[in-house]
C-alpha atoms as a PDB file:
ATOM      1  CA  MET A   1       3.818   6.925 -10.489  1.00  0.00           C
ATOM      2  CA  LYS A   2       6.915   5.151 -11.546  1.00  0.00           C
ATOM      3  CA  ASP A   3       6.940   1.524 -12.774  1.00  0.00           C
ATOM      4  CA  LEU A   4       3.307   0.594 -12.112  1.00  0.00           C
ATOM      5  CA  GLU A   5       3.795  -3.241 -11.993  1.00  0.00           C
ATOM      6  CA  GLY A   6       5.958  -5.237  -9.822  1.00  0.00           C
ATOM      7  CA  ILE A   7       6.946  -5.705  -6.218  1.00  0.00           C
ATOM      8  CA  ALA A   8       6.638  -2.848  -3.728  1.00  0.00           C
ATOM      9  CA  GLN A   9       5.787  -2.237  -0.126  1.00  0.00           C
ATOM     10  CA  LEU A  10       3.065  -0.343   1.495  1.00  0.00           C
ATOM     11  CA  GLU A  11       4.429   1.630   4.702  1.00  0.00           C
ATOM     12  CA  TRP A  12       2.596   3.433   7.340  1.00  0.00           C
ATOM     13  CA  CYS A  13       4.462   5.990   9.290  1.00  0.00           C
ATOM     14  CA  GLY A  14       3.743   7.781  12.596  1.00  0.00           C
ATOM     15  CA  ASN A  15       6.143  10.515  11.652  1.00  0.00           C
ATOM     16  CA  ASP A  16       9.383  10.996   9.669  1.00  0.00           C
ATOM     17  CA  SER A  17      11.325   8.471  11.914  1.00  0.00           C
ATOM     18  CA  THR A  18       8.730   6.007  12.981  1.00  0.00           C
ATOM     19  CA  LEU A  19       7.605   3.146  10.784  1.00  0.00           C
ATOM     20  CA  LEU A  20       4.328   1.737  12.110  1.00  0.00           C
ATOM     21  CA  GLY A  21       3.985  -1.144   9.749  1.00  0.00           C
ATOM     22  CA  ARG A  22       4.841  -2.538   6.206  1.00  0.00           C
ATOM     23  CA  LEU A  23       3.142  -4.783   3.884  1.00  0.00           C
ATOM     24  CA  PRO A  24       4.931  -6.419   0.903  1.00  0.00           C
ATOM     25  CA  VAL A  25       2.660  -6.186  -2.175  1.00  0.00           C
ATOM     26  CA  ARG A  26       2.615  -6.827  -5.925  1.00  0.00           C
ATOM     27  CA  ILE A  27       1.219  -3.915  -7.639  1.00  0.00           C
ATOM     28  CA  SER A  28      -0.478  -3.867 -11.095  1.00  0.00           C
ATOM     29  CA  LEU A  29      -3.035  -2.007 -13.132  1.00  0.00           C
ATOM     30  CA  ASP A  30      -6.283  -3.764 -13.530  1.00  0.00           C
ATOM     31  CA  ASP A  31      -8.503  -3.747 -16.733  1.00  0.00           C
ATOM     32  CA  ASN A  32     -10.025  -0.521 -15.559  1.00  0.00           C
ATOM     33  CA  ASN A  33      -6.715   1.286 -15.133  1.00  0.00           C
ATOM     34  CA  VAL A  34      -7.074   1.037 -11.361  1.00  0.00           C
ATOM     35  CA  LEU A  35      -3.826   0.474  -9.438  1.00  0.00           C
ATOM     36  CA  THR A  36      -4.163  -2.523  -7.285  1.00  0.00           C
ATOM     37  CA  ALA A  37      -1.889  -3.995  -4.565  1.00  0.00           C
ATOM     38  CA  VAL A  38      -2.079  -7.632  -3.618  1.00  0.00           C
ATOM     39  CA  VAL A  39      -0.472  -8.509  -0.288  1.00  0.00           C
ATOM     40  CA  ARG A  40       2.320 -11.021  -1.086  1.00  0.00           C
ATOM     41  CA  SER A  41       2.509 -12.815   2.361  1.00  0.00           C
ATOM     42  CA  ALA A  42       0.009 -13.648   5.019  1.00  0.00           C
ATOM     43  CA  VAL A  43       2.060 -11.344   7.386  1.00  0.00           C
ATOM     44  CA  ASP A  44       0.282 -12.469  10.653  1.00  0.00           C
ATOM     45  CA  GLY A  45      -2.998 -13.102   9.122  1.00  0.00           C
ATOM     46  CA  ASP A  46      -5.928 -10.834   7.980  1.00  0.00           C
ATOM     47  CA  GLU A  47      -6.091  -9.230  11.431  1.00  0.00           C
ATOM     48  CA  ALA A  48      -2.566  -7.785  11.109  1.00  0.00           C
ATOM     49  CA  ILE A  49      -3.368  -6.577   7.592  1.00  0.00           C
ATOM     50  CA  GLN A  50      -6.634  -5.011   8.968  1.00  0.00           C
ATOM     51  CA  SER A  51      -4.789  -3.369  11.816  1.00  0.00           C
ATOM     52  CA  LEU A  52      -2.501  -1.494   9.311  1.00  0.00           C
ATOM     53  CA  LEU A  53      -5.633  -0.484   7.292  1.00  0.00           C
ATOM     54  CA  ASP A  54      -7.130   0.766  10.427  1.00  0.00           C
ATOM     55  CA  LEU A  55      -4.269   3.206  10.827  1.00  0.00           C
ATOM     56  CA  GLY A  56      -5.692   5.167   8.009  1.00  0.00           C
ATOM     57  CA  PRO A  57      -5.885   5.250   4.295  1.00  0.00           C
ATOM     58  CA  SER A  58      -2.688   7.436   3.745  1.00  0.00           C
ATOM     59  CA  CYS A  59       0.521   5.619   3.376  1.00  0.00           C
ATOM     60  CA  MET A  60       3.681   5.431   1.251  1.00  0.00           C
ATOM     61  CA  LEU A  61       4.163   3.046  -1.625  1.00  0.00           C
ATOM     62  CA  ARG A  62       7.925   2.168  -1.660  1.00  0.00           C
ATOM     63  CA  PHE A  63       9.455   0.744  -4.962  1.00  0.00           C
ATOM     64  CA  ALA A  64      12.227  -1.556  -5.394  1.00  0.00           C
ATOM     65  CA  ASP A  65      14.600   1.324  -6.188  1.00  0.00           C
ATOM     66  CA  ASP A  66      13.742   2.794  -2.697  1.00  0.00           C
ATOM     67  CA  SER A  67      11.724   5.749  -4.383  1.00  0.00           C
ATOM     68  CA  VAL A  68       8.359   6.464  -2.764  1.00  0.00           C
ATOM     69  CA  ALA A  69       4.835   7.708  -3.807  1.00  0.00           C
ATOM     70  CA  HIS A  70       2.138   8.856  -1.325  1.00  0.00           C
ATOM     71  CA  VAL A  71      -0.843   6.867  -1.835  1.00  0.00           C
ATOM     72  CA  MET A  72      -4.416   6.442  -0.433  1.00  0.00           C
ATOM     73  CA  VAL A  73      -5.309   2.674   0.201  1.00  0.00           C
ATOM     74  CA  GLU A  74      -8.764   1.343  -0.087  1.00  0.00           C
ATOM     75  CA  ARG A  75      -9.827  -2.210   0.826  1.00  0.00           C
ATOM     76  CA  SER A  76     -11.172  -4.204  -2.161  1.00  0.00           C
ATOM     77  CA  ASP A  77     -13.373  -7.352  -1.882  1.00  0.00           C
ATOM     78  CA  SER A  78     -10.636  -8.948   0.059  1.00  0.00           C
ATOM     79  CA  VAL A  79      -8.355  -7.794   2.781  1.00  0.00           C
ATOM     80  CA  ILE A  80      -5.298  -9.008   0.738  1.00  0.00           C
ATOM     81  CA  GLN A  81      -6.351  -7.052  -2.396  1.00  0.00           C
ATOM     82  CA  LEU A  82      -6.214  -3.289  -2.029  1.00  0.00           C
ATOM     83  CA  ARG A  83      -6.908  -0.323  -4.415  1.00  0.00           C
ATOM     84  CA  LEU A  84      -4.433   2.420  -4.422  1.00  0.00           C
ATOM     85  CA  GLY A  85      -5.129   6.152  -5.433  1.00  0.00           C
ATOM     86  CA  ALA A  86      -2.971   9.304  -5.520  1.00  0.00           C
ATOM     87  CA  GLN A  87      -2.460  11.093  -2.450  1.00  0.00           C
ATOM     88  CA  THR A  88      -3.876  14.637  -2.716  1.00  0.00           C
ATOM     89  CA  GLY A  89      -3.145  17.579  -0.304  1.00  0.00           C
ATOM     90  CA  CYS A  90      -0.461  17.623   2.557  1.00  0.00           C
ATOM     91  CA  VAL A  91       0.801  14.347   3.850  1.00  0.00           C
END
């Protein structure tokens, strides 16, 4: 992935033209070289974040320069801290 630390957005899409939801996040590598994303704002609370996570683990990570990477999202110990992994296979 590109710049592995900084501000980005996680986006869930229904298809190429339908954005279902977006989470502003700060991404970083932890001590175990795992890419993590911390939700930057409370959005509409933990329930809204969980609703996006319930859409599925596959989403896009949009960087500040508008480039994207397809990632898999996994909840961590907290609904606002997420683990990101590389998307494999077809999107």
